[in-house]
Amino acid sequence: MNRASPADLRKAMEAANHLLKAGIAFVPMPVSTPEELAALQLQMIERLEAMEAEAK
């Protein structure tokens, strides 16, 4: 397992705080590769876009 850089950890905390402030439930998921991180980030964006579309 590779440790995340402080910058990457800061970005993850900022994203979690934005979801928290918006009142959106989320589940933190550990990732082990940059590719896995990118795939999960894309999935999060798709879900948020779907939620936004539902709210309209």
N, C-alpha and C. Protein backbone atom coordinates (compact mmCIF):
# COMPACT_ATOMS: atom_id res chain seq x y z
N MET A 1 0.84 -1.18 0.00
CA MET A 1 0.00 0.00 0.00
C MET A 1 0.88 1.24 0.00
N ASN A 2 0.56 2.18 -0.87
CA ASN A 2 1.28 3.44 -0.91
C ASN A 2 0.50 4.48 -0.11
N ARG A 3 1.21 5.28 0.64
CA ARG A 3 0.57 6.34 1.41
C ARG A 3 0.21 7.50 0.48
N ALA A 4 -0.93 8.08 0.73
CA ALA A 4 -1.36 9.24 -0.06
C ALA A 4 -0.53 10.45 0.34
N SER A 5 -0.33 11.33 -0.62
CA SER A 5 0.42 12.55 -0.33
C SER A 5 -0.45 13.49 0.50
N PRO A 6 0.17 14.38 1.25
CA PRO A 6 -0.62 15.35 2.02
C PRO A 6 -1.56 16.17 1.14
N ALA A 7 -1.13 16.51 -0.06
CA ALA A 7 -1.99 17.28 -0.97
C ALA A 7 -3.22 16.47 -1.38
N ASP A 8 -3.03 15.19 -1.67
CA ASP A 8 -4.16 14.34 -2.04
C ASP A 8 -5.12 14.16 -0.87
N LEU A 9 -4.59 14.03 0.33
CA LEU A 9 -5.43 13.90 1.52
C LEU A 9 -6.23 15.18 1.76
N ARG A 10 -5.61 16.31 1.53
CA ARG A 10 -6.30 17.59 1.69
C ARG A 10 -7.46 17.71 0.70
N LYS A 11 -7.22 17.30 -0.54
CA LYS A 11 -8.27 17.33 -1.55
C LYS A 11 -9.44 16.42 -1.16
N ALA A 12 -9.13 15.25 -0.64
CA ALA A 12 -10.17 14.31 -0.22
C ALA A 12 -10.99 14.89 0.92
N MET A 13 -10.33 15.53 1.86
CA MET A 13 -11.05 16.14 2.99
C MET A 13 -11.92 17.30 2.51
N GLU A 14 -11.45 18.07 1.57
CA GLU A 14 -12.25 19.18 1.03
C GLU A 14 -13.50 18.65 0.34
N ALA A 15 -13.35 17.58 -0.44
CA ALA A 15 -14.50 17.00 -1.12
C ALA A 15 -15.51 16.47 -0.10
N ALA A 16 -15.01 15.79 0.92
CA ALA A 16 -15.90 15.26 1.96
C ALA A 16 -16.62 16.40 2.68
N ASN A 17 -15.94 17.47 2.96
CA ASN A 17 -16.56 18.61 3.63
C ASN A 17 -17.63 19.27 2.77
N HIS A 18 -17.41 19.34 1.46
CA HIS A 18 -18.41 19.91 0.55
C HIS A 18 -19.67 19.05 0.56
N LEU A 19 -19.51 17.73 0.52
CA LEU A 19 -20.67 16.84 0.56
C LEU A 19 -21.40 16.97 1.89
N LEU A 20 -20.65 17.05 2.96
CA LEU A 20 -21.23 17.20 4.29
C LEU A 20 -22.05 18.49 4.39
N LYS A 21 -21.48 19.59 3.93
CA LYS A 21 -22.18 20.88 3.99
C LYS A 21 -23.44 20.89 3.13
N ALA A 22 -23.42 20.11 2.04
CA ALA A 22 -24.58 20.04 1.15
C ALA A 22 -25.63 19.07 1.68
N GLY A 23 -25.30 18.35 2.75
CA GLY A 23 -26.25 17.40 3.32
C GLY A 23 -26.36 16.11 2.54
N ILE A 24 -25.32 15.77 1.81
CA ILE A 24 -25.31 14.56 0.99
C ILE A 24 -24.56 13.46 1.74
N ALA A 25 -25.26 12.34 1.96
CA ALA A 25 -24.63 11.20 2.62
C ALA A 25 -23.56 10.61 1.70
N PHE A 26 -22.48 10.16 2.28
CA PHE A 26 -21.42 9.56 1.49
C PHE A 26 -20.70 8.50 2.31
N VAL A 27 -20.03 7.61 1.60
CA VAL A 27 -19.26 6.54 2.23
C VAL A 27 -17.81 6.70 1.81
N PRO A 28 -16.91 6.88 2.76
CA PRO A 28 -15.50 6.97 2.39
C PRO A 28 -14.99 5.61 1.93
N MET A 29 -14.24 5.60 0.85
CA MET A 29 -13.72 4.36 0.28
C MET A 29 -12.21 4.46 0.14
N PRO A 30 -11.48 3.49 0.67
CA PRO A 30 -10.04 3.51 0.46
C PRO A 30 -9.71 3.09 -0.98
N VAL A 31 -8.67 3.66 -1.53
CA VAL A 31 -8.22 3.30 -2.87
C VAL A 31 -6.73 2.97 -2.81
N SER A 32 -6.30 2.12 -3.74
CA SER A 32 -4.90 1.71 -3.69
C SER A 32 -4.08 2.14 -4.90
N THR A 33 -4.78 2.57 -5.96
CA THR A 33 -4.04 3.01 -7.16
C THR A 33 -4.65 4.30 -7.70
N PRO A 34 -3.87 5.07 -8.43
CA PRO A 34 -4.42 6.28 -9.04
C PRO A 34 -5.57 5.98 -10.01
N GLU A 35 -5.50 4.84 -10.69
CA GLU A 35 -6.56 4.46 -11.63
C GLU A 35 -7.86 4.17 -10.88
N GLU A 36 -7.75 3.50 -9.74
CA GLU A 36 -8.93 3.21 -8.93
C GLU A 36 -9.54 4.51 -8.40
N LEU A 37 -8.70 5.43 -7.99
CA LEU A 37 -9.16 6.74 -7.51
C LEU A 37 -9.92 7.46 -8.62
N ALA A 38 -9.36 7.49 -9.80
CA ALA A 38 -9.99 8.17 -10.93
C ALA A 38 -11.35 7.54 -11.26
N ALA A 39 -11.43 6.22 -11.23
CA ALA A 39 -12.69 5.54 -11.54
C ALA A 39 -13.75 5.87 -10.50
N LEU A 40 -13.38 5.88 -9.23
CA LEU A 40 -14.35 6.19 -8.19
C LEU A 40 -14.75 7.66 -8.21
N GLN A 41 -13.83 8.54 -8.54
CA GLN A 41 -14.17 9.96 -8.67
C GLN A 41 -15.15 10.17 -9.80
N LEU A 42 -14.96 9.48 -10.91
CA LEU A 42 -15.88 9.58 -12.04
C LEU A 42 -17.26 9.07 -11.64
N GLN A 43 -17.29 7.96 -10.90
CA GLN A 43 -18.56 7.43 -10.43
C GLN A 43 -19.26 8.42 -9.51
N MET A 44 -18.50 9.10 -8.64
CA MET A 44 -19.08 10.09 -7.75
C MET A 44 -19.68 11.25 -8.56
N ILE A 45 -18.97 11.72 -9.56
CA ILE A 45 -19.46 12.82 -10.39
C ILE A 45 -20.74 12.41 -11.10
N GLU A 46 -20.78 11.19 -11.63
CA GLU A 46 -21.98 10.71 -12.32
C GLU A 46 -23.17 10.65 -11.36
N ARG A 47 -22.94 10.18 -10.15
CA ARG A 47 -24.03 10.10 -9.17
C ARG A 47 -24.51 11.49 -8.76
N LEU A 48 -23.59 12.42 -8.56
CA LEU A 48 -23.98 13.77 -8.20
C LEU A 48 -24.78 14.42 -9.34
N GLU A 49 -24.37 14.19 -10.58
CA GLU A 49 -25.11 14.73 -11.72
C GLU A 49 -26.51 14.13 -11.79
N ALA A 50 -26.64 12.84 -11.51
CA ALA A 50 -27.95 12.19 -11.50
C ALA A 50 -28.82 12.76 -10.40
N MET A 51 -28.25 13.00 -9.22
CA MET A 51 -28.98 13.58 -8.11
C MET A 51 -29.45 14.99 -8.46
N GLU A 52 -28.58 15.75 -9.13
CA GLU A 52 -28.94 17.10 -9.55
C GLU A 52 -30.09 17.07 -10.55
N ALA A 53 -30.04 16.14 -11.50
CA ALA A 53 -31.10 16.03 -12.48
C ALA A 53 -32.43 15.66 -11.83
N GLU A 54 -32.39 14.78 -10.84
CA GLU A 54 -33.60 14.39 -10.12
C GLU A 54 -34.21 15.57 -9.36
N ALA A 55 -33.36 16.45 -8.85
CA ALA A 55 -33.81 17.57 -8.03
C ALA A 55 -34.50 18.64 -8.89
N LYS A 56 -34.28 18.63 -10.17
CA LYS A 56 -34.86 19.66 -11.05
C LYS A 56 -36.28 19.37 -11.38
